[in-house]
C-alpha atoms as a PDB file:
ATOM      1  CA  MET A   1      -6.833  17.058  57.352  1.00  0.00           C
ATOM      2  CA  THR A   2      -6.752  20.696  58.434  1.00  0.00           C
ATOM      3  CA  VAL A   3      -6.295  23.612  56.076  1.00  0.00           C
ATOM      4  CA  THR A   4      -4.504  26.715  57.316  1.00  0.00           C
ATOM      5  CA  ALA A   5      -5.833  30.193  56.706  1.00  0.00           C
ATOM      6  CA  SER A   6      -3.010  31.027  54.292  1.00  0.00           C
ATOM      7  CA  GLU A   7      -3.713  27.892  52.226  1.00  0.00           C
ATOM      8  CA  SER A   8      -7.448  28.599  52.094  1.00  0.00           C
ATOM      9  CA  GLN A   9      -6.801  32.155  50.983  1.00  0.00           C
ATOM     10  CA  SER A  10      -4.335  31.070  48.283  1.00  0.00           C
ATOM     11  CA  VAL A  11      -7.032  28.937  46.667  1.00  0.00           C
ATOM     12  CA  PHE A  12      -9.144  32.018  45.938  1.00  0.00           C
ATOM     13  CA  LEU A  13      -6.327  34.373  44.943  1.00  0.00           C
ATOM     14  CA  PRO A  14      -6.711  35.745  41.401  1.00  0.00           C
ATOM     15  CA  LYS A  15      -4.351  34.326  38.791  1.00  0.00           C
ATOM     16  CA  SER A  16      -1.379  36.369  37.785  1.00  0.00           C
ATOM     17  CA  ALA A  17      -1.036  37.833  34.293  1.00  0.00           C
ATOM     18  CA  PHE A  18       1.504  35.136  33.384  1.00  0.00           C
ATOM     19  CA  GLN A  19      -0.850  32.338  34.498  1.00  0.00           C
ATOM     20  CA  ARG A  20      -3.768  33.798  32.534  1.00  0.00           C
ATOM     21  CA  ARG A  21      -1.579  34.144  29.448  1.00  0.00           C
ATOM     22  CA  ARG A  22      -0.306  30.598  29.846  1.00  0.00           C
ATOM     23  CA  ASP A  23      -3.856  29.220  30.168  1.00  0.00           C
ATOM     24  CA  TRP A  24      -4.948  31.234  27.125  1.00  0.00           C
ATOM     25  CA  VAL A  25      -2.071  29.856  25.038  1.00  0.00           C
ATOM     26  CA  PHE A  26      -2.815  26.293  26.137  1.00  0.00           C
ATOM     27  CA  VAL A  27      -6.541  26.581  25.332  1.00  0.00           C
ATOM     28  CA  TRP A  28      -5.926  28.012  21.886  1.00  0.00           C
ATOM     29  CA  ALA A  29      -3.141  25.546  21.107  1.00  0.00           C
ATOM     30  CA  THR A  30      -5.543  22.719  21.946  1.00  0.00           C
ATOM     31  CA  ARG A  31      -8.278  24.232  19.785  1.00  0.00           C
ATOM     32  CA  ILE A  32      -5.909  24.672  16.862  1.00  0.00           C
ATOM     33  CA  ALA A  33      -4.740  21.057  17.163  1.00  0.00           C
ATOM     34  CA  VAL A  34      -8.335  19.792  17.168  1.00  0.00           C
ATOM     35  CA  PHE A  35      -9.409  21.917  14.212  1.00  0.00           C
ATOM     36  CA  PHE A  36      -6.239  21.024  12.301  1.00  0.00           C
ATOM     37  CA  SER A  37      -6.934  17.309  12.787  1.00  0.00           C
ATOM     38  CA  ALA A  38     -10.496  17.724  11.515  1.00  0.00           C
ATOM     39  CA  PHE A  39      -9.272  19.856   8.592  1.00  0.00           C
ATOM     40  CA  LEU A  40      -6.620  17.288   7.698  1.00  0.00           C
ATOM     41  CA  LEU A  41      -9.171  14.474   7.658  1.00  0.00           C
ATOM     42  CA  LEU A  42     -11.570  16.529   5.549  1.00  0.00           C
ATOM     43  CA  TRP A  43      -8.799  17.561   3.156  1.00  0.00           C
ATOM     44  CA  LEU A  44      -7.593  13.977   2.791  1.00  0.00           C
ATOM     45  CA  SER A  45     -11.114  12.706   2.094  1.00  0.00           C
ATOM     46  CA  LEU A  46     -11.764  15.497  -0.391  1.00  0.00           C
ATOM     47  CA  GLU A  47      -8.550  14.903  -2.338  1.00  0.00           C
ATOM     48  CA  ILE A  48      -9.147  11.157  -2.544  1.00  0.00           C
ATOM     49  CA  GLY A  49     -12.771  11.776  -3.522  1.00  0.00           C
ATOM     50  CA  ILE A  50     -11.765  14.150  -6.331  1.00  0.00           C
ATOM     51  CA  GLN A  51      -9.236  11.640  -7.687  1.00  0.00           C
ATOM     52  CA  ALA A  52     -11.866   8.887  -7.477  1.00  0.00           C
ATOM     53  CA  LEU A  53     -14.641  10.931  -9.120  1.00  0.00           C
ATOM     54  CA  PRO A  54     -14.224   9.461 -12.644  1.00  0.00           C
ATOM     55  CA  ALA A  55     -14.569   5.923 -11.255  1.00  0.00           C
ATOM     56  CA  ILE A  56     -17.509   6.972  -9.066  1.00  0.00           C
ATOM     57  CA  GLN A  57     -19.305   8.430 -12.082  1.00  0.00           C
ATOM     58  CA  LYS A  58     -18.614   5.392 -14.282  1.00  0.00           C
ATOM     59  CA  PHE A  59     -19.155   2.505 -11.857  1.00  0.00           C
ATOM     60  CA  GLY A  60     -21.355   4.034  -9.156  1.00  0.00           C
ATOM     61  CA  LEU A  61     -22.505   1.702  -6.404  1.00  0.00           C
ATOM     62  CA  ARG A  62     -21.844  -1.311  -8.638  1.00  0.00           C
ATOM     63  CA  PHE A  63     -18.212  -0.921  -7.620  1.00  0.00           C
ATOM     64  CA  PHE A  64     -19.126  -2.224  -4.147  1.00  0.00           C
ATOM     65  CA  TRP A  65     -20.567  -5.586  -5.184  1.00  0.00           C
ATOM     66  CA  SER A  66     -18.736  -6.302  -8.436  1.00  0.00           C
ATOM     67  CA  ALA A  67     -15.806  -8.689  -8.027  1.00  0.00           C
ATOM     68  CA  THR A  68     -14.301  -7.983 -11.452  1.00  0.00           C
ATOM     69  CA  TRP A  69     -10.956  -6.196 -11.539  1.00  0.00           C
ATOM     70  CA  ASP A  70      -9.786  -6.082 -15.157  1.00  0.00           C
ATOM     71  CA  PRO A  71      -7.314  -3.311 -16.086  1.00  0.00           C
ATOM     72  CA  VAL A  72      -7.271  -4.498 -19.699  1.00  0.00           C
ATOM     73  CA  GLU A  73     -11.004  -3.904 -20.197  1.00  0.00           C
ATOM     74  CA  ASN A  74     -11.113  -1.013 -17.695  1.00  0.00           C
ATOM     75  CA  ASN A  75     -13.789  -2.831 -15.739  1.00  0.00           C
ATOM     76  CA  TYR A  76     -13.394  -2.555 -11.990  1.00  0.00           C
ATOM     77  CA  GLY A  77     -15.143  -3.693  -8.849  1.00  0.00           C
ATOM     78  CA  ALA A  78     -13.804  -3.949  -5.321  1.00  0.00           C
ATOM     79  CA  TRP A  79     -16.089  -6.481  -3.638  1.00  0.00           C
ATOM     80  CA  ALA A  80     -13.335  -9.135  -3.451  1.00  0.00           C
ATOM     81  CA  GLN A  81     -11.000  -6.644  -1.758  1.00  0.00           C
ATOM     82  CA  ILE A  82     -13.700  -5.314   0.575  1.00  0.00           C
ATOM     83  CA  TYR A  83     -14.564  -8.870   1.579  1.00  0.00           C
ATOM     84  CA  GLY A  84     -10.895  -9.671   2.167  1.00  0.00           C
ATOM     85  CA  THR A  85     -10.416  -6.534   4.285  1.00  0.00           C
ATOM     86  CA  LEU A  86     -13.367  -7.330   6.532  1.00  0.00           C
ATOM     87  CA  VAL A  87     -12.647 -11.058   6.931  1.00  0.00           C
ATOM     88  CA  SER A  88      -8.906 -10.682   7.563  1.00  0.00           C
ATOM     89  CA  SER A  89      -9.586  -7.951  10.144  1.00  0.00           C
ATOM     90  CA  LEU A  90     -12.181 -10.157  11.856  1.00  0.00           C
ATOM     91  CA  ILE A  91      -9.707 -13.051  12.032  1.00  0.00           C
ATOM     92  CA  ALA A  92      -7.102 -10.670  13.449  1.00  0.00           C
ATOM     93  CA  LEU A  93      -9.472  -9.574  16.205  1.00  0.00           C
ATOM     94  CA  ILE A  94     -10.428 -13.167  17.044  1.00  0.00           C
ATOM     95  CA  VAL A  95      -6.745 -14.060  17.346  1.00  0.00           C
ATOM     96  CA  GLY A  96      -5.506 -10.860  18.968  1.00  0.00           C
ATOM     97  CA  ILE A  97      -8.104  -9.865  21.563  1.00  0.00           C
ATOM     98  CA  PRO A  98      -7.861 -12.883  23.931  1.00  0.00           C
ATOM     99  CA  PHE A  99      -4.056 -12.788  23.983  1.00  0.00           C
ATOM    100  CA  SER A 100      -3.958  -8.994  24.327  1.00  0.00           C
ATOM    101  CA  PHE A 101      -6.389  -8.856  27.230  1.00  0.00           C
ATOM    102  CA  GLY A 102      -4.730 -11.802  28.951  1.00  0.00           C
ATOM    103  CA  ILE A 103      -1.242 -10.286  28.669  1.00  0.00           C
ATOM    104  CA  SER A 104      -2.495  -6.856  29.770  1.00  0.00           C
ATOM    105  CA  ILE A 105      -4.107  -8.349  32.894  1.00  0.00           C
ATOM    106  CA  PHE A 106      -0.976 -10.367  33.613  1.00  0.00           C
ATOM    107  CA  LEU A 107       1.268  -7.286  33.333  1.00  0.00           C
ATOM    108  CA  SER A 108      -1.018  -4.963  35.289  1.00  0.00           C
ATOM    109  CA  GLU A 109      -1.466  -7.185  38.340  1.00  0.00           C
ATOM    110  CA  ASP A 110       1.101  -8.381  40.877  1.00  0.00           C
ATOM    111  CA  PHE A 111       1.704 -11.790  39.346  1.00  0.00           C
ATOM    112  CA  LEU A 112       5.407 -11.059  38.794  1.00  0.00           C
ATOM    113  CA  PRO A 113       8.064  -8.983  40.556  1.00  0.00           C
ATOM    114  CA  LYS A 114       7.902  -5.345  39.525  1.00  0.00           C
ATOM    115  CA  PRO A 115      11.285  -5.256  37.665  1.00  0.00           C
ATOM    116  CA  LEU A 116      10.286  -8.268  35.564  1.00  0.00           C
ATOM    117  CA  ARG A 117       6.870  -6.760  34.802  1.00  0.00           C
ATOM    118  CA  LEU A 118       8.544  -3.520  33.728  1.00  0.00           C
ATOM    119  CA  ALA A 119      10.944  -5.401  31.447  1.00  0.00           C
ATOM    120  CA  LEU A 120       8.109  -7.361  29.817  1.00  0.00           C
ATOM    121  CA  THR A 121       6.107  -4.160  29.369  1.00  0.00           C
ATOM    122  CA  ILE A 122       9.031  -2.555  27.542  1.00  0.00           C
ATOM    123  CA  VAL A 123       9.348  -5.630  25.316  1.00  0.00           C
ATOM    124  CA  VAL A 124       5.644  -5.470  24.411  1.00  0.00           C
ATOM    125  CA  GLU A 125       5.899  -1.783  23.546  1.00  0.00           C
ATOM    126  CA  LEU A 126       8.969  -2.447  21.396  1.00  0.00           C
ATOM    127  CA  LEU A 127       7.091  -5.162  19.513  1.00  0.00           C
ATOM    128  CA  ALA A 128       4.471  -2.577  18.549  1.00  0.00           C
ATOM    129  CA  ALA A 129       7.177  -0.589  16.738  1.00  0.00           C
ATOM    130  CA  ILE A 130       8.350  -3.425  14.475  1.00  0.00           C
ATOM    131  CA  PRO A 131       7.781  -2.466  10.790  1.00  0.00           C
ATOM    132  CA  SER A 132       5.093  -4.423   8.986  1.00  0.00           C
ATOM    133  CA  VAL A 133       7.484  -5.589   6.246  1.00  0.00           C
ATOM    134  CA  VAL A 134       9.483  -7.416   8.934  1.00  0.00           C
ATOM    135  CA  PHE A 135       6.327  -9.256   9.978  1.00  0.00           C
ATOM    136  CA  GLY A 136       5.747 -10.067   6.304  1.00  0.00           C
ATOM    137  CA  ILE A 137       9.211 -11.552   5.866  1.00  0.00           C
ATOM    138  CA  TRP A 138       8.835 -13.467   9.135  1.00  0.00           C
ATOM    139  CA  GLY A 139       5.478 -14.740   7.948  1.00  0.00           C
ATOM    140  CA  LEU A 140       6.886 -15.967   4.627  1.00  0.00           C
ATOM    141  CA  PHE A 141       9.981 -17.731   5.915  1.00  0.00           C
ATOM    142  CA  VAL A 142       8.993 -18.770   9.448  1.00  0.00           C
ATOM    143  CA  PHE A 143       5.239 -18.716  10.035  1.00  0.00           C
ATOM    144  CA  ILE A 144       4.018 -20.281   6.779  1.00  0.00           C
ATOM    145  CA  PRO A 145       6.328 -23.356   7.063  1.00  0.00           C
ATOM    146  CA  PHE A 146       5.158 -23.746  10.670  1.00  0.00           C
ATOM    147  CA  PHE A 147       1.463 -23.107  10.005  1.00  0.00           C
ATOM    148  CA  ARG A 148       0.965 -25.039   6.742  1.00  0.00           C
ATOM    149  CA  PRO A 149       1.117 -28.531   8.347  1.00  0.00           C
ATOM    150  CA  ILE A 150      -1.517 -27.384  10.843  1.00  0.00           C
ATOM    151  CA  GLN A 151      -3.691 -26.130   7.989  1.00  0.00           C
ATOM    152  CA  MET A 152      -3.195 -29.399   6.114  1.00  0.00           C
ATOM    153  CA  ALA A 153      -4.248 -31.420   9.182  1.00  0.00           C
ATOM    154  CA  ILE A 154      -7.394 -29.291   9.497  1.00  0.00           C
ATOM    155  CA  TYR A 155      -8.117 -29.697   5.779  1.00  0.00           C
ATOM    156  CA  GLU A 156      -7.741 -33.482   5.859  1.00  0.00           C
ATOM    157  CA  ARG A 157     -10.256 -33.780   8.704  1.00  0.00           C
ATOM    158  CA  LEU A 158     -12.666 -30.912   8.046  1.00  0.00           C
ATOM    159  CA  ASN A 159     -12.622 -30.357   4.272  1.00  0.00           C
ATOM    160  CA  TRP A 160     -16.370 -31.029   4.187  1.00  0.00           C
ATOM    161  CA  ILE A 161     -16.840 -27.663   5.909  1.00  0.00           C
ATOM    162  CA  PRO A 162     -16.845 -24.799   3.340  1.00  0.00           C
ATOM    163  CA  LEU A 163     -14.483 -22.719   5.483  1.00  0.00           C
ATOM    164  CA  PHE A 164     -11.776 -25.385   5.108  1.00  0.00           C
ATOM    165  CA  SER A 165     -12.647 -26.793   1.694  1.00  0.00           C
ATOM    166  CA  THR A 166      -9.534 -25.595  -0.203  1.00  0.00           C
ATOM    167  CA  PRO A 167      -6.146 -27.329   0.012  1.00  0.00           C
ATOM    168  CA  PRO A 168      -3.786 -24.910   1.788  1.00  0.00           C
ATOM    169  CA  ILE A 169      -0.867 -23.651  -0.289  1.00  0.00           C
ATOM    170  CA  GLY A 170       0.672 -21.369   2.344  1.00  0.00           C
ATOM    171  CA  PRO A 171      -0.370 -17.777   1.600  1.00  0.00           C
ATOM    172  CA  GLY A 172      -4.071 -17.216   2.105  1.00  0.00           C
ATOM    173  CA  MET A 173      -6.786 -15.499   4.084  1.00  0.00           C
ATOM    174  CA  LEU A 174      -6.215 -17.416   7.324  1.00  0.00           C
ATOM    175  CA  THR A 175      -2.444 -16.966   7.210  1.00  0.00           C
ATOM    176  CA  ALA A 176      -2.735 -13.216   6.691  1.00  0.00           C
ATOM    177  CA  GLY A 177      -5.421 -12.909   9.365  1.00  0.00           C
ATOM    178  CA  VAL A 178      -3.398 -14.778  11.997  1.00  0.00           C
ATOM    179  CA  VAL A 179      -0.277 -12.699  11.303  1.00  0.00           C
ATOM    180  CA  LEU A 180      -2.397  -9.548  11.506  1.00  0.00           C
ATOM    181  CA  GLY A 181      -3.679 -10.781  14.860  1.00  0.00           C
ATOM    182  CA  ILE A 182      -0.094 -11.226  16.057  1.00  0.00           C
ATOM    183  CA  MET A 183       0.738  -7.711  14.813  1.00  0.00           C
ATOM    184  CA  ILE A 184      -2.061  -6.019  16.734  1.00  0.00           C
ATOM    185  CA  ILE A 185      -1.402  -7.843  20.022  1.00  0.00           C
ATOM    186  CA  PRO A 186       1.325  -5.411  21.186  1.00  0.00           C
ATOM    187  CA  ILE A 187      -0.791  -2.335  20.391  1.00  0.00           C
ATOM    188  CA  ILE A 188      -3.908  -3.557  22.179  1.00  0.00           C
ATOM    189  CA  THR A 189      -1.845  -4.953  25.062  1.00  0.00           C
ATOM    190  CA  ALA A 190       0.101  -1.738  25.679  1.00  0.00           C
ATOM    191  CA  ILE A 191      -3.010   0.458  25.724  1.00  0.00           C
ATOM    192  CA  ALA A 192      -5.157  -1.997  27.703  1.00  0.00           C
ATOM    193  CA  ARG A 193      -2.430  -2.348  30.305  1.00  0.00           C
ATOM    194  CA  GLU A 194      -2.242   1.422  30.772  1.00  0.00           C
ATOM    195  CA  VAL A 195      -6.008   1.508  31.209  1.00  0.00           C
ATOM    196  CA  LEU A 196      -5.953  -1.278  33.799  1.00  0.00           C
ATOM    197  CA  VAL A 197      -3.086   0.322  35.727  1.00  0.00           C
ATOM    198  CA  SER A 198      -5.000   3.618  35.847  1.00  0.00           C
ATOM    199  CA  VAL A 199      -7.969   2.009  37.634  1.00  0.00           C
ATOM    200  CA  PRO A 200      -8.030   3.518  41.160  1.00  0.00           C
ATOM    201  CA  PRO A 201      -6.451   1.116  43.684  1.00  0.00           C
ATOM    202  CA  GLU A 202      -9.295   1.906  46.060  1.00  0.00           C
ATOM    203  CA  LEU A 203     -11.591  -0.238  43.903  1.00  0.00           C
ATOM    204  CA  ARG A 204      -9.335  -3.270  44.312  1.00  0.00           C
ATOM    205  CA  ALA A 205      -8.985  -2.608  48.034  1.00  0.00           C
ATOM    206  CA  ALA A 206     -12.769  -2.340  48.416  1.00  0.00           C
ATOM    207  CA  ALA A 207     -13.250  -5.640  46.595  1.00  0.00           C
ATOM    208  CA  TYR A 208     -10.687  -7.382  48.799  1.00  0.00           C
ATOM    209  CA  ALA A 209     -12.310  -5.861  51.886  1.00  0.00           C
ATOM    210  CA  MET A 210     -15.618  -7.430  50.815  1.00  0.00           C
ATOM    211  CA  GLY A 211     -13.940 -10.828  50.730  1.00  0.00           C
ATOM    212  CA  ALA A 212     -13.359 -11.118  46.977  1.00  0.00           C
ATOM    213  CA  THR A 213     -10.502 -13.201  45.654  1.00  0.00           C
ATOM    214  CA  ARG A 214      -7.959 -11.735  43.247  1.00  0.00           C
ATOM    215  CA  TRP A 215      -9.748 -13.103  40.177  1.00  0.00           C
ATOM    216  CA  GLU A 216     -13.137 -11.999  41.485  1.00  0.00           C
ATOM    217  CA  ALA A 217     -11.727  -8.493  41.984  1.00  0.00           C
ATOM    218  CA  ILE A 218     -10.238  -8.483  38.474  1.00  0.00           C
ATOM    219  CA  PHE A 219     -13.330  -9.714  36.634  1.00  0.00           C
ATOM    220  CA  GLY A 220     -15.921  -8.159  38.901  1.00  0.00           C
ATOM    221  CA  VAL A 221     -14.402  -4.742  39.591  1.00  0.00           C
ATOM    222  CA  VAL A 222     -11.275  -3.887  37.587  1.00  0.00           C
ATOM    223  CA  LEU A 223     -12.392  -5.014  34.124  1.00  0.00           C
ATOM    224  CA  PRO A 224     -15.832  -3.359  34.311  1.00  0.00           C
ATOM    225  CA  ALA A 225     -14.170  -0.115  35.384  1.00  0.00           C
ATOM    226  CA  ALA A 226     -11.669  -0.287  32.493  1.00  0.00           C
ATOM    227  CA  ILE A 227     -13.899  -1.711  29.767  1.00  0.00           C
ATOM    228  CA  GLY A 228     -14.338   1.600  27.946  1.00  0.00           C
ATOM    229  CA  GLY A 229     -10.618   2.168  27.536  1.00  0.00           C
ATOM    230  CA  MET A 230     -10.034  -1.469  26.583  1.00  0.00           C
ATOM    231  CA  LEU A 231     -12.629  -1.203  23.833  1.00  0.00           C
ATOM    232  CA  GLY A 232     -10.780   1.866  22.626  1.00  0.00           C
ATOM    233  CA  ALA A 233      -7.594  -0.225  22.481  1.00  0.00           C
ATOM    234  CA  VAL A 234      -9.415  -2.810  20.378  1.00  0.00           C
ATOM    235  CA  VAL A 235     -10.523  -0.077  17.975  1.00  0.00           C
ATOM    236  CA  LEU A 236      -6.939   1.095  17.502  1.00  0.00           C
ATOM    237  CA  GLY A 237      -5.873  -2.491  16.863  1.00  0.00           C
ATOM    238  CA  LEU A 238      -8.697  -2.924  14.364  1.00  0.00           C
ATOM    239  CA  GLY A 239      -7.607   0.257  12.609  1.00  0.00           C
ATOM    240  CA  ARG A 240      -4.117  -1.158  12.112  1.00  0.00           C
ATOM    241  CA  ALA A 241      -5.500  -4.505  10.956  1.00  0.00           C
ATOM    242  CA  MET A 242      -7.742  -2.870   8.354  1.00  0.00           C
ATOM    243  CA  GLY A 243      -5.035  -0.542   7.048  1.00  0.00           C
ATOM    244  CA  GLU A 244      -2.054  -2.887   7.171  1.00  0.00           C
ATOM    245  CA  THR A 245      -0.387  -3.128   3.769  1.00  0.00           C
ATOM    246  CA  MET A 246       2.986  -4.790   3.285  1.00  0.00           C
ATOM    247  CA  ALA A 247       2.591  -7.817   5.541  1.00  0.00           C
ATOM    248  CA  VAL A 248      -0.829  -8.591   4.078  1.00  0.00           C
ATOM    249  CA  ALA A 249       0.360  -8.076   0.504  1.00  0.00           C
ATOM    250  CA  MET A 250       3.096 -10.649   1.144  1.00  0.00           C
ATOM    251  CA  LEU A 251       0.896 -13.238   2.902  1.00  0.00           C
ATOM    252  CA  ILE A 252      -2.687 -13.064   1.617  1.00  0.00           C
ATOM    253  CA  GLY A 253      -2.031 -14.516  -1.839  1.00  0.00           C
ATOM    254  CA  ASN A 254      -3.348 -11.545  -3.867  1.00  0.00           C
ATOM    255  CA  SER A 255      -6.127 -13.428  -5.645  1.00  0.00           C
ATOM    256  CA  ARG A 256      -8.850 -11.357  -7.325  1.00  0.00           C
ATOM    257  CA  SER A 257     -11.511 -13.997  -6.742  1.00  0.00           C
ATOM    258  CA  ILE A 258     -13.666 -14.631  -3.689  1.00  0.00           C
ATOM    259  CA  SER A 259     -13.611 -17.942  -1.858  1.00  0.00           C
ATOM    260  CA  ILE A 260     -15.398 -18.757   1.359  1.00  0.00           C
ATOM    261  CA  SER A 261     -12.513 -21.070   2.280  1.00  0.00           C
ATOM    262  CA  LEU A 262     -10.064 -19.503   4.697  1.00  0.00           C
ATOM    263  CA  PHE A 263      -7.207 -21.499   3.163  1.00  0.00           C
ATOM    264  CA  ALA A 264      -7.669 -19.979  -0.302  1.00  0.00           C
ATOM    265  CA  PRO A 265      -5.634 -16.990  -1.542  1.00  0.00           C
ATOM    266  CA  ALA A 266      -7.481 -13.686  -1.289  1.00  0.00           C
ATOM    267  CA  SER A 267      -6.887  -9.950  -1.411  1.00  0.00           C
ATOM    268  CA  ASN A 268      -7.783  -6.786   0.461  1.00  0.00           C
ATOM    269  CA  ILE A 269      -7.823  -3.082  -0.311  1.00  0.00           C
ATOM    270  CA  PRO A 270      -4.387  -2.142   1.129  1.00  0.00           C
ATOM    271  CA  ALA A 271      -2.732  -5.039  -0.726  1.00  0.00           C
ATOM    272  CA  LEU A 272      -4.510  -4.002  -3.931  1.00  0.00           C
ATOM    273  CA  LEU A 273      -3.214  -0.443  -3.605  1.00  0.00           C
ATOM    274  CA  ALA A 274       0.337  -1.592  -2.833  1.00  0.00           C
ATOM    275  CA  ASN A 275       0.494  -4.065  -5.712  1.00  0.00           C
ATOM    276  CA  GLU A 276      -1.073  -2.002  -8.504  1.00  0.00           C
ATOM    277  CA  PHE A 277      -0.579   1.696  -7.829  1.00  0.00           C
ATOM    278  CA  GLY A 278       3.006   1.797  -9.120  1.00  0.00           C
ATOM    279  CA  GLU A 279       2.015   0.685 -12.627  1.00  0.00           C
ATOM    280  CA  ALA A 280      -1.497   2.137 -12.775  1.00  0.00           C
ATOM    281  CA  GLY A 281      -2.672   4.784 -15.187  1.00  0.00           C
ATOM    282  CA  GLY A 282      -5.855   6.383 -16.467  1.00  0.00           C
ATOM    283  CA  GLU A 283      -9.072   4.901 -15.154  1.00  0.00           C
ATOM    284  CA  GLN A 284      -7.191   2.386 -13.029  1.00  0.00           C
ATOM    285  CA  ILE A 285      -5.855   5.194 -10.818  1.00  0.00           C
ATOM    286  CA  ALA A 286      -9.404   6.494 -10.348  1.00  0.00           C
ATOM    287  CA  ALA A 287     -10.590   2.973  -9.465  1.00  0.00           C
ATOM    288  CA  LEU A 288      -7.769   2.563  -6.947  1.00  0.00           C
ATOM    289  CA  MET A 289      -8.657   5.927  -5.425  1.00  0.00           C
ATOM    290  CA  TYR A 290     -12.276   4.774  -5.218  1.00  0.00           C
ATOM    291  CA  ALA A 291     -11.103   1.688  -3.324  1.00  0.00           C
ATOM    292  CA  ALA A 292      -8.975   3.876  -1.026  1.00  0.00           C
ATOM    293  CA  LEU A 293     -11.999   6.097  -0.363  1.00  0.00           C
ATOM    294  CA  ILE A 294     -14.039   3.020   0.575  1.00  0.00           C
ATOM    295  CA  LEU A 295     -11.313   1.921   2.990  1.00  0.00           C
ATOM    296  CA  LEU A 296     -11.267   5.383   4.553  1.00  0.00           C
ATOM    297  CA  LEU A 297     -15.044   5.452   4.946  1.00  0.00           C
ATOM    298  CA  VAL A 298     -15.172   1.922   6.386  1.00  0.00           C
ATOM    299  CA  THR A 299     -12.456   2.812   8.910  1.00  0.00           C
ATOM    300  CA  LEU A 300     -14.299   5.964   9.947  1.00  0.00           C
ATOM    301  CA  LEU A 301     -17.554   4.024  10.264  1.00  0.00           C
ATOM    302  CA  VAL A 302     -15.896   1.396  12.450  1.00  0.00           C
ATOM    303  CA  ASN A 303     -14.458   4.111  14.690  1.00  0.00           C
ATOM    304  CA  VAL A 304     -17.850   5.829  15.010  1.00  0.00           C
ATOM    305  CA  ILE A 305     -19.535   2.540  15.929  1.00  0.00           C
ATOM    306  CA  ALA A 306     -16.777   1.753  18.426  1.00  0.00           C
ATOM    307  CA  GLU A 307     -17.080   5.190  20.027  1.00  0.00           C
ATOM    308  CA  TRP A 308     -20.816   4.644  20.354  1.00  0.00           C
ATOM    309  CA  LEU A 309     -20.211   1.256  21.959  1.00  0.00           C
ATOM    310  CA  VAL A 310     -17.702   2.729  24.417  1.00  0.00           C
ATOM    311  CA  ARG A 311     -20.126   5.473  25.431  1.00  0.00           C
ATOM    312  CA  SER A 312     -22.983   2.966  25.740  1.00  0.00           C
ATOM    313  CA  VAL A 313     -20.916   0.661  27.957  1.00  0.00           C
ATOM    314  CA  LYS A 314     -19.800   3.550  30.170  1.00  0.00           C
ATOM    315  CA  PHE A 315     -23.381   4.780  30.467  1.00  0.00           C
ATOM    316  CA  ALA A 316     -24.663   1.302  31.327  1.00  0.00           C
ATOM    317  CA  LEU A 317     -21.964   0.821  33.985  1.00  0.00           C
ATOM    318  CA  THR A 318     -22.645   4.245  35.485  1.00  0.00           C
ATOM    319  CA  ALA A 319     -26.394   3.559  35.591  1.00  0.00           C
ATOM    320  CA  SER A 320     -25.856   0.153  37.229  1.00  0.00           C
ATOM    321  CA  ARG A 321     -23.681   1.686  39.943  1.00  0.00           C
ATOM    322  CA  GLU A 322     -26.253   4.335  40.703  1.00  0.00           C
END
């Protein structure tokens, strides 16, 4: 491709006053947005921490491993809710990730005509906007009647395993976790698909030129190139699973005890806050704020670990290519 003298000179022409002013406004608008986001997070953490201070002073670190939640005696511990938050989110990831990645690959490649792929993509993105209370109602009246016979069949055959040792009653840890997994599928799918579509087509063409099949190109070239963004999609899905409130409050059973059985009723921090904050008072509000602070810190920790994993994977892939 040849470049004319006028084009080469225009590249080095100084920017006009309007362009410099526009760039200056954009840079400072971006800086303000970044600092405002950091300030908002700090402010939110500080306010919750101040409200939780009485409970922090009274219960200390014992709040993390005590499973007692007794508003009558003003004795509180959030271990049952922390355990429920972590386990239900893990179940959601186990359920959601395979389906999300499979659908995103299916919608990003030429398996279907383009109009049909576009229509399915719009449907997936619309599913991500469904309110959580709708999923909760669907779970109560549709999913639990469908899923309980399956749970009962598993219990009758595998009740000697601690994970399935409790007779299923409908609401429980596994029910809430599976519905959470269904809820995060559209989010992870939509983001992962965008990441896969943004992979340069030259990489696919190079793989085909080397004699690779379609699946070899997908798993050997496209997925490694997009793995960082797909991990980011998983993190966003995990964030919704950990912070989901209404659907979990309706499906998890809201038990204050801990059971290793996935069929048993359980609880998590968002469900605890939704169920008890309206009638709380005194030390109970401080204890609920303490639980909310724990949820915030756990979410931030998960995001930090995920960001580290994304950077590590990108670094490893870059080093292997070099």
